Amino acid sequence: RYARMLRETGDLEHAYAQYLRLVEQDPGRGSARVALAEMALDQQNWEEARWHGQRVLDLAPDTPGADGIALNLAYVDALEAEDEAARRAMSETVMARFAEDRNNPFLRRLAIDSAIRDGDFDAALEIVDTALADTPGERALHDVRLQILALGQDPGPIEAQLRRMLELFPEDEQLAGLLLRFYVARDD
């Protein structure tokens, strides 16, 4: 409970340490392994994600969230192997699972990545916009939205997104610099 509370309040370093203590005492505690794997996935620490993900799959495969971890790891494996056929096959599975559980941030991330890699920027934006409707202040989603808009290269929506982000995150000085660079690049 303490580790979960730390994680929910954003103290990920201490939460990770507490979950590690927990699995040292009880290696088969699936919920702790899932949490460790999820935090590692968030940080794109594939080695740690694989380690804890494989442990939960070996020791407690019925733990809620374990199948999502397995799906994430299989998708990343296909990307790292540069196996486009495997990635596309995983993409179908991801989209089907995401349709069942649209609030799962790990499935959402895979669905967005899959849509982008398939060149379906509209679908990727729809996923992001749906998530932003529920959590309008989540900075990472705004960053992803900006990246997707940049892929489309239509300057109007990019400018609008940068301005929106400046309104939401006025303390972020980098955003003002991004907007300035956007204008300079367009001779505006």
N, C-alpha and C. Protein backbone atom coordinates (compact mmCIF):
# COMPACT_ATOMS: atom_id res chain seq x y z
N ARG A 1 0.83 -1.20 0.00
CA ARG A 1 0.00 0.00 0.00
C ARG A 1 0.87 1.25 0.00
N TYR A 2 1.93 1.20 0.78
CA TYR A 2 2.83 2.36 0.85
C TYR A 2 3.47 2.62 -0.52
N ALA A 3 3.94 1.56 -1.17
CA ALA A 3 4.56 1.71 -2.49
C ALA A 3 3.54 2.26 -3.49
N ARG A 4 2.31 1.75 -3.44
CA ARG A 4 1.26 2.22 -4.35
C ARG A 4 0.97 3.70 -4.10
N MET A 5 0.92 4.09 -2.83
CA MET A 5 0.66 5.49 -2.49
C MET A 5 1.78 6.39 -3.03
N LEU A 6 3.03 5.94 -2.87
CA LEU A 6 4.14 6.73 -3.39
C LEU A 6 4.04 6.87 -4.90
N ARG A 7 3.69 5.79 -5.56
CA ARG A 7 3.55 5.83 -7.02
C ARG A 7 2.43 6.77 -7.45
N GLU A 8 1.31 6.71 -6.76
CA GLU A 8 0.17 7.55 -7.11
C GLU A 8 0.45 9.03 -6.87
N THR A 9 1.32 9.34 -5.92
CA THR A 9 1.66 10.74 -5.65
C THR A 9 2.83 11.22 -6.51
N GLY A 10 3.37 10.34 -7.36
CA GLY A 10 4.42 10.74 -8.28
C GLY A 10 5.83 10.56 -7.77
N ASP A 11 6.00 9.97 -6.60
CA ASP A 11 7.34 9.73 -6.05
C ASP A 11 7.81 8.37 -6.57
N LEU A 12 8.15 8.34 -7.85
CA LEU A 12 8.44 7.07 -8.51
C LEU A 12 9.73 6.42 -8.03
N GLU A 13 10.71 7.23 -7.71
CA GLU A 13 11.99 6.66 -7.24
C GLU A 13 11.78 5.86 -5.96
N HIS A 14 11.09 6.45 -5.00
CA HIS A 14 10.86 5.75 -3.74
C HIS A 14 9.84 4.62 -3.90
N ALA A 15 8.86 4.81 -4.75
CA ALA A 15 7.89 3.74 -5.01
C ALA A 15 8.60 2.53 -5.59
N TYR A 16 9.49 2.77 -6.55
CA TYR A 16 10.23 1.67 -7.17
C TYR A 16 11.04 0.92 -6.12
N ALA A 17 11.70 1.68 -5.24
CA ALA A 17 12.51 1.06 -4.19
C ALA A 17 11.63 0.23 -3.25
N GLN A 18 10.46 0.73 -2.91
CA GLN A 18 9.56 -0.02 -2.02
C GLN A 18 9.05 -1.29 -2.69
N TYR A 19 8.71 -1.19 -3.97
CA TYR A 19 8.27 -2.40 -4.68
C TYR A 19 9.41 -3.41 -4.77
N LEU A 20 10.63 -2.94 -4.97
CA LEU A 20 11.78 -3.85 -5.00
C LEU A 20 11.93 -4.58 -3.67
N ARG A 21 11.80 -3.85 -2.57
CA ARG A 21 11.86 -4.50 -1.25
C ARG A 21 10.79 -5.57 -1.12
N LEU A 22 9.63 -5.26 -1.62
CA LEU A 22 8.52 -6.19 -1.53
C LEU A 22 8.81 -7.48 -2.30
N VAL A 23 9.34 -7.38 -3.51
CA VAL A 23 9.61 -8.60 -4.29
C VAL A 23 10.83 -9.34 -3.78
N GLU A 24 11.72 -8.65 -3.08
CA GLU A 24 12.83 -9.36 -2.44
C GLU A 24 12.30 -10.26 -1.33
N GLN A 25 11.31 -9.78 -0.59
CA GLN A 25 10.70 -10.55 0.50
C GLN A 25 9.76 -11.63 -0.03
N ASP A 26 9.07 -11.32 -1.12
CA ASP A 26 8.08 -12.24 -1.69
C ASP A 26 8.19 -12.19 -3.21
N PRO A 27 9.13 -12.97 -3.78
CA PRO A 27 9.39 -12.90 -5.23
C PRO A 27 8.18 -13.18 -6.12
N GLY A 28 7.20 -13.91 -5.59
CA GLY A 28 6.04 -14.25 -6.40
C GLY A 28 4.90 -13.26 -6.30
N ARG A 29 5.13 -12.12 -5.66
CA ARG A 29 4.06 -11.13 -5.52
C ARG A 29 3.85 -10.45 -6.87
N GLY A 30 2.86 -10.92 -7.58
CA GLY A 30 2.62 -10.48 -8.95
C GLY A 30 2.30 -9.01 -9.09
N SER A 31 1.48 -8.46 -8.19
CA SER A 31 1.09 -7.06 -8.33
C SER A 31 2.30 -6.13 -8.21
N ALA A 32 3.25 -6.49 -7.37
CA ALA A 32 4.46 -5.68 -7.23
C ALA A 32 5.32 -5.79 -8.48
N ARG A 33 5.40 -6.99 -9.04
CA ARG A 33 6.17 -7.19 -10.28
C ARG A 33 5.54 -6.41 -11.44
N VAL A 34 4.22 -6.43 -11.52
CA VAL A 34 3.53 -5.68 -12.57
C VAL A 34 3.83 -4.19 -12.41
N ALA A 35 3.77 -3.69 -11.18
CA ALA A 35 4.05 -2.28 -10.93
C ALA A 35 5.48 -1.93 -11.33
N LEU A 36 6.43 -2.79 -10.98
CA LEU A 36 7.83 -2.55 -11.35
C LEU A 36 8.00 -2.55 -12.87
N ALA A 37 7.37 -3.51 -13.53
CA ALA A 37 7.45 -3.58 -15.00
C ALA A 37 6.82 -2.36 -15.63
N GLU A 38 5.68 -1.92 -15.11
CA GLU A 38 5.01 -0.74 -15.66
C GLU A 38 5.86 0.52 -15.48
N MET A 39 6.44 0.67 -14.31
CA MET A 39 7.29 1.85 -14.09
C MET A 39 8.52 1.81 -15.00
N ALA A 40 9.08 0.62 -15.21
CA ALA A 40 10.21 0.49 -16.11
C ALA A 40 9.79 0.81 -17.56
N LEU A 41 8.60 0.35 -17.95
CA LEU A 41 8.10 0.68 -19.29
C LEU A 41 7.92 2.19 -19.45
N ASP A 42 7.40 2.84 -18.40
CA ASP A 42 7.24 4.30 -18.45
C ASP A 42 8.56 5.01 -18.70
N GLN A 43 9.62 4.47 -18.12
CA GLN A 43 10.94 5.07 -18.26
C GLN A 43 11.69 4.54 -19.49
N GLN A 44 11.05 3.68 -20.23
CA GLN A 44 11.64 3.02 -21.39
C GLN A 44 12.93 2.29 -21.01
N ASN A 45 12.91 1.71 -19.82
CA ASN A 45 14.01 0.88 -19.34
C ASN A 45 13.64 -0.56 -19.67
N TRP A 46 13.97 -0.95 -20.90
CA TRP A 46 13.52 -2.24 -21.42
C TRP A 46 14.11 -3.41 -20.64
N GLU A 47 15.35 -3.28 -20.20
CA GLU A 47 15.99 -4.37 -19.46
C GLU A 47 15.23 -4.66 -18.16
N GLU A 48 14.94 -3.63 -17.40
CA GLU A 48 14.18 -3.80 -16.15
C GLU A 48 12.76 -4.27 -16.44
N ALA A 49 12.15 -3.71 -17.47
CA ALA A 49 10.77 -4.12 -17.82
C ALA A 49 10.74 -5.60 -18.18
N ARG A 50 11.73 -6.04 -18.95
CA ARG A 50 11.78 -7.46 -19.32
C ARG A 50 12.01 -8.34 -18.08
N TRP A 51 12.92 -7.90 -17.23
CA TRP A 51 13.24 -8.69 -16.04
C TRP A 51 11.98 -8.90 -15.18
N HIS A 52 11.34 -7.81 -14.80
CA HIS A 52 10.17 -7.93 -13.93
C HIS A 52 8.97 -8.50 -14.67
N GLY A 53 8.84 -8.15 -15.94
CA GLY A 53 7.75 -8.70 -16.74
C GLY A 53 7.86 -10.20 -16.87
N GLN A 54 9.06 -10.68 -17.14
CA GLN A 54 9.24 -12.14 -17.26
C GLN A 54 9.02 -12.83 -15.93
N ARG A 55 9.46 -12.21 -14.84
CA ARG A 55 9.25 -12.81 -13.51
C ARG A 55 7.75 -12.94 -13.21
N VAL A 56 6.98 -11.89 -13.51
CA VAL A 56 5.54 -11.99 -13.22
C VAL A 56 4.89 -13.04 -14.12
N LEU A 57 5.35 -13.15 -15.35
CA LEU A 57 4.78 -14.16 -16.25
C LEU A 57 5.16 -15.58 -15.81
N ASP A 58 6.36 -15.72 -15.25
CA ASP A 58 6.80 -17.04 -14.76
C ASP A 58 6.13 -17.42 -13.44
N LEU A 59 6.04 -16.45 -12.52
CA LEU A 59 5.63 -16.75 -11.15
C LEU A 59 4.14 -16.51 -10.87
N ALA A 60 3.56 -15.54 -11.55
CA ALA A 60 2.16 -15.19 -11.27
C ALA A 60 1.48 -14.68 -12.54
N PRO A 61 1.35 -15.53 -13.55
CA PRO A 61 0.83 -15.07 -14.84
C PRO A 61 -0.63 -14.60 -14.81
N ASP A 62 -1.38 -14.97 -13.78
CA ASP A 62 -2.79 -14.56 -13.70
C ASP A 62 -2.97 -13.21 -13.01
N THR A 63 -1.88 -12.57 -12.64
CA THR A 63 -1.95 -11.27 -11.98
C THR A 63 -2.56 -10.24 -12.93
N PRO A 64 -3.52 -9.45 -12.46
CA PRO A 64 -4.07 -8.40 -13.33
C PRO A 64 -2.95 -7.49 -13.85
N GLY A 65 -2.96 -7.27 -15.15
CA GLY A 65 -1.95 -6.43 -15.78
C GLY A 65 -0.79 -7.21 -16.38
N ALA A 66 -0.64 -8.48 -16.01
CA ALA A 66 0.48 -9.27 -16.52
C ALA A 66 0.39 -9.46 -18.03
N ASP A 67 -0.82 -9.67 -18.53
CA ASP A 67 -0.97 -9.86 -19.98
C ASP A 67 -0.64 -8.58 -20.74
N GLY A 68 -0.95 -7.43 -20.16
CA GLY A 68 -0.59 -6.16 -20.79
C GLY A 68 0.92 -5.96 -20.84
N ILE A 69 1.60 -6.39 -19.78
CA ILE A 69 3.06 -6.31 -19.76
C ILE A 69 3.63 -7.21 -20.86
N ALA A 70 3.10 -8.42 -20.97
CA ALA A 70 3.57 -9.35 -22.00
C ALA A 70 3.36 -8.76 -23.39
N LEU A 71 2.23 -8.13 -23.61
CA LEU A 71 1.93 -7.51 -24.90
C LEU A 71 2.91 -6.36 -25.19
N ASN A 72 3.17 -5.53 -24.19
CA ASN A 72 4.13 -4.44 -24.36
C ASN A 72 5.51 -4.98 -24.72
N LEU A 73 5.95 -5.99 -24.02
CA LEU A 73 7.28 -6.54 -24.27
C LEU A 73 7.37 -7.20 -25.64
N ALA A 74 6.33 -7.90 -26.05
CA ALA A 74 6.33 -8.52 -27.38
C ALA A 74 6.35 -7.46 -28.48
N TYR A 75 5.63 -6.37 -28.27
CA TYR A 75 5.61 -5.27 -29.24
C TYR A 75 7.00 -4.64 -29.34
N VAL A 76 7.62 -4.38 -28.19
CA VAL A 76 8.96 -3.79 -28.18
C VAL A 76 9.96 -4.74 -28.82
N ASP A 77 9.83 -6.03 -28.56
CA ASP A 77 10.72 -7.02 -29.18
C ASP A 77 10.61 -6.97 -30.70
N ALA A 78 9.39 -6.87 -31.22
CA ALA A 78 9.19 -6.79 -32.66
C ALA A 78 9.83 -5.52 -33.22
N LEU A 79 9.72 -4.41 -32.49
CA LEU A 79 10.35 -3.16 -32.93
C LEU A 79 11.86 -3.28 -32.95
N GLU A 80 12.41 -3.82 -31.86
CA GLU A 80 13.86 -3.93 -31.76
C GLU A 80 14.42 -4.89 -32.81
N ALA A 81 13.67 -5.92 -33.14
CA ALA A 81 14.10 -6.88 -34.16
C ALA A 81 13.88 -6.34 -35.57
N GLU A 82 13.23 -5.17 -35.66
CA GLU A 82 12.89 -4.57 -36.94
C GLU A 82 12.10 -5.55 -37.81
N ASP A 83 11.22 -6.29 -37.14
CA ASP A 83 10.37 -7.28 -37.80
C ASP A 83 9.00 -6.65 -38.02
N GLU A 84 8.83 -6.04 -39.20
CA GLU A 84 7.61 -5.31 -39.50
C GLU A 84 6.39 -6.23 -39.53
N ALA A 85 6.56 -7.45 -40.01
CA ALA A 85 5.43 -8.38 -40.04
C ALA A 85 4.97 -8.71 -38.62
N ALA A 86 5.91 -8.94 -37.74
CA ALA A 86 5.56 -9.23 -36.33
C ALA A 86 4.95 -8.01 -35.68
N ARG A 87 5.47 -6.83 -35.99
CA ARG A 87 4.92 -5.61 -35.42
C ARG A 87 3.48 -5.39 -35.88
N ARG A 88 3.23 -5.64 -37.16
CA ARG A 88 1.86 -5.48 -37.67
C ARG A 88 0.91 -6.50 -37.03
N ALA A 89 1.40 -7.71 -36.84
CA ALA A 89 0.58 -8.72 -36.16
C ALA A 89 0.30 -8.28 -34.73
N MET A 90 1.31 -7.78 -34.06
CA MET A 90 1.14 -7.28 -32.69
C MET A 90 0.20 -6.09 -32.70
N SER A 91 0.28 -5.28 -33.74
CA SER A 91 -0.57 -4.09 -33.84
C SER A 91 -2.05 -4.48 -33.82
N GLU A 92 -2.40 -5.53 -34.53
CA GLU A 92 -3.79 -5.99 -34.55
C GLU A 92 -4.22 -6.41 -33.15
N THR A 93 -3.35 -7.12 -32.45
CA THR A 93 -3.66 -7.54 -31.08
C THR A 93 -3.79 -6.33 -30.17
N VAL A 94 -2.87 -5.39 -30.33
CA VAL A 94 -2.90 -4.17 -29.51
C VAL A 94 -4.21 -3.42 -29.71
N MET A 95 -4.60 -3.22 -30.95
CA MET A 95 -5.82 -2.47 -31.23
C MET A 95 -7.06 -3.19 -30.69
N ALA A 96 -7.08 -4.49 -30.79
CA ALA A 96 -8.21 -5.25 -30.25
C ALA A 96 -8.27 -5.12 -28.73
N ARG A 97 -7.12 -5.25 -28.08
CA ARG A 97 -7.07 -5.11 -26.62
C ARG A 97 -7.40 -3.69 -26.19
N PHE A 98 -6.91 -2.71 -26.94
CA PHE A 98 -7.18 -1.32 -26.60
C PHE A 98 -8.67 -1.01 -26.73
N ALA A 99 -9.32 -1.61 -27.71
CA ALA A 99 -10.77 -1.41 -27.86
C ALA A 99 -11.52 -1.92 -26.64
N GLU A 100 -10.98 -2.94 -25.97
CA GLU A 100 -11.60 -3.50 -24.77
C GLU A 100 -11.30 -2.67 -23.53
N ASP A 101 -10.14 -2.04 -23.49
CA ASP A 101 -9.70 -1.33 -22.28
C ASP A 101 -9.06 0.00 -22.68
N ARG A 102 -9.89 0.97 -23.03
CA ARG A 102 -9.40 2.25 -23.55
C ARG A 102 -8.76 3.13 -22.48
N ASN A 103 -8.89 2.78 -21.22
CA ASN A 103 -8.30 3.59 -20.16
C ASN A 103 -6.93 3.10 -19.72
N ASN A 104 -6.47 2.00 -20.29
CA ASN A 104 -5.17 1.45 -19.92
C ASN A 104 -4.08 2.28 -20.62
N PRO A 105 -3.26 3.00 -19.84
CA PRO A 105 -2.26 3.87 -20.46
C PRO A 105 -1.20 3.11 -21.25
N PHE A 106 -0.91 1.87 -20.87
CA PHE A 106 0.11 1.09 -21.58
C PHE A 106 -0.43 0.61 -22.92
N LEU A 107 -1.69 0.22 -22.96
CA LEU A 107 -2.31 -0.16 -24.23
C LEU A 107 -2.49 1.08 -25.10
N ARG A 108 -2.85 2.21 -24.48
CA ARG A 108 -3.03 3.46 -25.23
C ARG A 108 -1.72 3.85 -25.91
N ARG A 109 -0.61 3.76 -25.18
CA ARG A 109 0.69 4.11 -25.75
C ARG A 109 1.01 3.24 -26.96
N LEU A 110 0.75 1.94 -26.82
CA LEU A 110 1.02 1.03 -27.94
C LEU A 110 0.10 1.33 -29.12
N ALA A 111 -1.16 1.63 -28.83
CA ALA A 111 -2.12 1.93 -29.90
C ALA A 111 -1.70 3.19 -30.66
N ILE A 112 -1.25 4.19 -29.94
CA ILE A 112 -0.79 5.43 -30.59
C ILE A 112 0.42 5.15 -31.45
N ASP A 113 1.40 4.44 -30.88
CA ASP A 113 2.61 4.12 -31.63
C ASP A 113 2.28 3.30 -32.87
N SER A 114 1.40 2.35 -32.71
CA SER A 114 1.01 1.51 -33.83
C SER A 114 0.34 2.32 -34.94
N ALA A 115 -0.57 3.20 -34.55
CA ALA A 115 -1.26 4.03 -35.55
C ALA A 115 -0.26 4.93 -36.28
N ILE A 116 0.68 5.50 -35.55
CA ILE A 116 1.69 6.37 -36.17
C ILE A 116 2.54 5.56 -37.15
N ARG A 117 3.00 4.40 -36.72
CA ARG A 117 3.85 3.57 -37.59
C ARG A 117 3.10 3.10 -38.83
N ASP A 118 1.77 2.97 -38.69
CA ASP A 118 0.95 2.59 -39.85
C ASP A 118 0.58 3.80 -40.70
N GLY A 119 1.02 5.00 -40.29
CA GLY A 119 0.73 6.21 -41.04
C GLY A 119 -0.67 6.74 -40.86
N ASP A 120 -1.38 6.24 -39.86
CA ASP A 120 -2.75 6.68 -39.60
C ASP A 120 -2.74 7.74 -38.51
N PHE A 121 -2.34 8.96 -38.88
CA PHE A 121 -2.19 10.04 -37.91
C PHE A 121 -3.53 10.47 -37.33
N ASP A 122 -4.58 10.37 -38.14
CA ASP A 122 -5.91 10.73 -37.64
C ASP A 122 -6.34 9.80 -36.50
N ALA A 123 -6.07 8.50 -36.66
CA ALA A 123 -6.41 7.54 -35.60
C ALA A 123 -5.58 7.81 -34.35
N ALA A 124 -4.31 8.12 -34.54
CA ALA A 124 -3.44 8.42 -33.39
C ALA A 124 -3.94 9.66 -32.65
N LEU A 125 -4.31 10.71 -33.42
CA LEU A 125 -4.84 11.92 -32.80
C LEU A 125 -6.15 11.65 -32.07
N GLU A 126 -6.99 10.81 -32.64
CA GLU A 126 -8.26 10.49 -32.00
C GLU A 126 -8.02 9.82 -30.64
N ILE A 127 -7.07 8.91 -30.58
CA ILE A 127 -6.75 8.24 -29.32
C ILE A 127 -6.25 9.25 -28.30
N VAL A 128 -5.34 10.13 -28.73
CA VAL A 128 -4.78 11.13 -27.83
C VAL A 128 -5.88 12.09 -27.36
N ASP A 129 -6.69 12.56 -28.29
CA ASP A 129 -7.74 13.52 -27.93
C ASP A 129 -8.75 12.91 -26.96
N THR A 130 -9.07 11.65 -27.14
CA THR A 130 -9.98 10.97 -26.21
C THR A 130 -9.35 10.91 -24.81
N ALA A 131 -8.07 10.60 -24.75
CA ALA A 131 -7.39 10.55 -23.46
C ALA A 131 -7.30 11.94 -22.83
N LEU A 132 -7.06 12.96 -23.66
CA LEU A 132 -6.99 14.33 -23.14
C LEU A 132 -8.33 14.82 -22.63
N ALA A 133 -9.41 14.31 -23.17
CA ALA A 133 -10.73 14.69 -22.66
C ALA A 133 -10.89 14.24 -21.21
N ASP A 134 -10.27 13.12 -20.87
CA ASP A 134 -10.34 12.61 -19.50
C ASP A 134 -9.28 13.23 -18.60
N THR A 135 -8.11 13.50 -19.16
CA THR A 135 -7.00 14.05 -18.35
C THR A 135 -6.37 15.22 -19.10
N PRO A 136 -7.06 16.37 -19.14
CA PRO A 136 -6.60 17.49 -19.96
C PRO A 136 -5.26 18.09 -19.53
N GLY A 137 -4.83 17.84 -18.33
CA GLY A 137 -3.57 18.41 -17.86
C GLY A 137 -2.39 17.48 -17.96
N GLU A 138 -2.55 16.33 -18.62
CA GLU A 138 -1.44 15.38 -18.71
C GLU A 138 -0.45 15.82 -19.79
N ARG A 139 0.67 16.32 -19.34
CA ARG A 139 1.66 16.92 -20.23
C ARG A 139 2.14 15.94 -21.30
N ALA A 140 2.39 14.70 -20.92
CA ALA A 140 2.92 13.73 -21.88
C ALA A 140 1.97 13.55 -23.07
N LEU A 141 0.67 13.58 -22.82
CA LEU A 141 -0.29 13.45 -23.92
C LEU A 141 -0.24 14.66 -24.84
N HIS A 142 -0.05 15.85 -24.28
CA HIS A 142 0.08 17.05 -25.11
C HIS A 142 1.34 16.98 -25.97
N ASP A 143 2.42 16.47 -25.38
CA ASP A 143 3.66 16.31 -26.14
C ASP A 143 3.46 15.35 -27.31
N VAL A 144 2.78 14.23 -27.05
CA VAL A 144 2.52 13.25 -28.11
C VAL A 144 1.64 13.87 -29.19
N ARG A 145 0.64 14.63 -28.77
CA ARG A 145 -0.25 15.28 -29.73
C ARG A 145 0.54 16.23 -30.63
N LEU A 146 1.45 17.00 -30.04
CA LEU A 146 2.29 17.91 -30.81
C LEU A 146 3.17 17.14 -31.80
N GLN A 147 3.73 16.03 -31.36
CA GLN A 147 4.57 15.21 -32.25
C GLN A 147 3.77 14.67 -33.43
N ILE A 148 2.55 14.24 -33.16
CA ILE A 148 1.71 13.71 -34.24
C ILE A 148 1.37 14.82 -35.23
N LEU A 149 1.02 15.99 -34.71
CA LEU A 149 0.69 17.11 -35.59
C LEU A 149 1.90 17.50 -36.44
N ALA A 150 3.08 17.43 -35.85
CA ALA A 150 4.30 17.77 -36.60
C ALA A 150 4.53 16.79 -37.75
N LEU A 151 4.13 15.54 -37.57
CA LEU A 151 4.27 14.56 -38.65
C LEU A 151 3.38 14.91 -39.83
N GLY A 152 2.22 15.50 -39.55
CA GLY A 152 1.31 15.91 -40.61
C GLY A 152 1.76 17.18 -41.31
N GLN A 153 2.57 17.98 -40.65
CA GLN A 153 3.20 19.19 -41.17
C GLN A 153 2.22 20.29 -41.57
N ASP A 154 1.01 20.29 -41.05
CA ASP A 154 0.09 21.40 -41.27
C ASP A 154 0.37 22.41 -40.17
N PRO A 155 0.85 23.60 -40.51
CA PRO A 155 1.28 24.55 -39.47
C PRO A 155 0.18 25.08 -38.57
N GLY A 156 -1.04 25.17 -39.06
CA GLY A 156 -2.13 25.72 -38.24
C GLY A 156 -2.36 24.94 -36.95
N PRO A 157 -2.59 23.63 -37.04
CA PRO A 157 -2.80 22.86 -35.82
C PRO A 157 -1.57 22.81 -34.91
N ILE A 158 -0.39 22.85 -35.50
CA ILE A 158 0.84 22.84 -34.70
C ILE A 158 0.91 24.11 -33.85
N GLU A 159 0.66 25.25 -34.49
CA GLU A 159 0.67 26.52 -33.76
C GLU A 159 -0.39 26.52 -32.65
N ALA A 160 -1.59 26.04 -32.98
CA ALA A 160 -2.66 26.00 -31.99
C ALA A 160 -2.29 25.11 -30.81
N GLN A 161 -1.66 23.99 -31.08
CA GLN A 161 -1.25 23.09 -30.00
C GLN A 161 -0.17 23.73 -29.14
N LEU A 162 0.80 24.38 -29.75
CA LEU A 162 1.84 25.06 -28.97
C LEU A 162 1.24 26.15 -28.09
N ARG A 163 0.33 26.91 -28.64
CA ARG A 163 -0.32 27.97 -27.85
C ARG A 163 -1.13 27.38 -26.70
N ARG A 164 -1.84 26.30 -26.98
CA ARG A 164 -2.63 25.63 -25.92
C ARG A 164 -1.71 25.13 -24.81
N MET A 165 -0.59 24.56 -25.19
CA MET A 165 0.35 24.05 -24.20
C MET A 165 0.94 25.19 -23.36
N LEU A 166 1.18 26.33 -24.00
CA LEU A 166 1.69 27.49 -23.25
C LEU A 166 0.66 27.97 -22.22
N GLU A 167 -0.61 27.90 -22.58
CA GLU A 167 -1.67 28.27 -21.62
C GLU A 167 -1.72 27.31 -20.45
N LEU A 168 -1.58 26.02 -20.76
CA LEU A 168 -1.69 25.00 -19.72
C LEU A 168 -0.44 24.90 -18.85
N PHE A 169 0.71 25.13 -19.45
CA PHE A 169 1.98 24.94 -18.76
C PHE A 169 2.85 26.19 -18.86
N PRO A 170 2.39 27.31 -18.30
CA PRO A 170 3.12 28.58 -18.45
C PRO A 170 4.50 28.57 -17.80
N GLU A 171 4.73 27.67 -16.87
CA GLU A 171 6.03 27.62 -16.20
C GLU A 171 7.11 26.95 -17.05
N ASP A 172 6.71 26.30 -18.13
CA ASP A 172 7.67 25.60 -18.98
C ASP A 172 8.26 26.57 -20.01
N GLU A 173 9.47 26.99 -19.73
CA GLU A 173 10.12 27.98 -20.60
C GLU A 173 10.49 27.41 -21.96
N GLN A 174 10.63 26.10 -22.06
CA GLN A 174 10.97 25.48 -23.34
C GLN A 174 9.84 25.64 -24.36
N LEU A 175 8.62 25.67 -23.89
CA LEU A 175 7.49 25.81 -24.81
C LEU A 175 7.53 27.14 -25.55
N ALA A 176 7.87 28.21 -24.84
CA ALA A 176 7.98 29.51 -25.50
C ALA A 176 9.07 29.46 -26.57
N GLY A 177 10.16 28.79 -26.26
CA GLY A 177 11.23 28.63 -27.25
C GLY A 177 10.79 27.82 -28.45
N LEU A 178 10.00 26.78 -28.21
CA LEU A 178 9.47 25.98 -29.32
C LEU A 178 8.58 26.81 -30.23
N LEU A 179 7.71 27.62 -29.61
CA LEU A 179 6.82 28.46 -30.41
C LEU A 179 7.63 29.48 -31.20
N LEU A 180 8.64 30.05 -30.57
CA LEU A 180 9.49 31.02 -31.27
C LEU A 180 10.20 30.35 -32.45
N ARG A 181 10.76 29.17 -32.24
CA ARG A 181 11.43 28.45 -33.33
C ARG A 181 10.44 28.10 -34.45
N PHE A 182 9.22 27.77 -34.06
CA PHE A 182 8.17 27.48 -35.05
C PHE A 182 7.95 28.69 -35.94
N TYR A 183 7.83 29.89 -35.33
CA TYR A 183 7.62 31.11 -36.11
C TYR A 183 8.83 31.45 -36.97
N VAL A 184 10.03 31.29 -36.42
CA VAL A 184 11.25 31.60 -37.17
C VAL A 184 11.36 30.68 -38.39
N ALA A 185 11.06 29.41 -38.20
CA ALA A 185 11.14 28.44 -39.30
C ALA A 185 10.17 28.79 -40.43
N ARG A 186 9.09 29.48 -40.09
CA ARG A 186 8.10 29.86 -41.09
C ARG A 186 8.28 31.30 -41.54
N ASP A 187 9.37 31.96 -41.13
CA ASP A 187 9.62 33.37 -41.45
C ASP A 187 8.44 34.24 -41.02
N ASP A 188 7.88 33.93 -39.86
CA ASP A 188 6.71 34.64 -39.35
C ASP A 188 7.17 35.49 -38.18
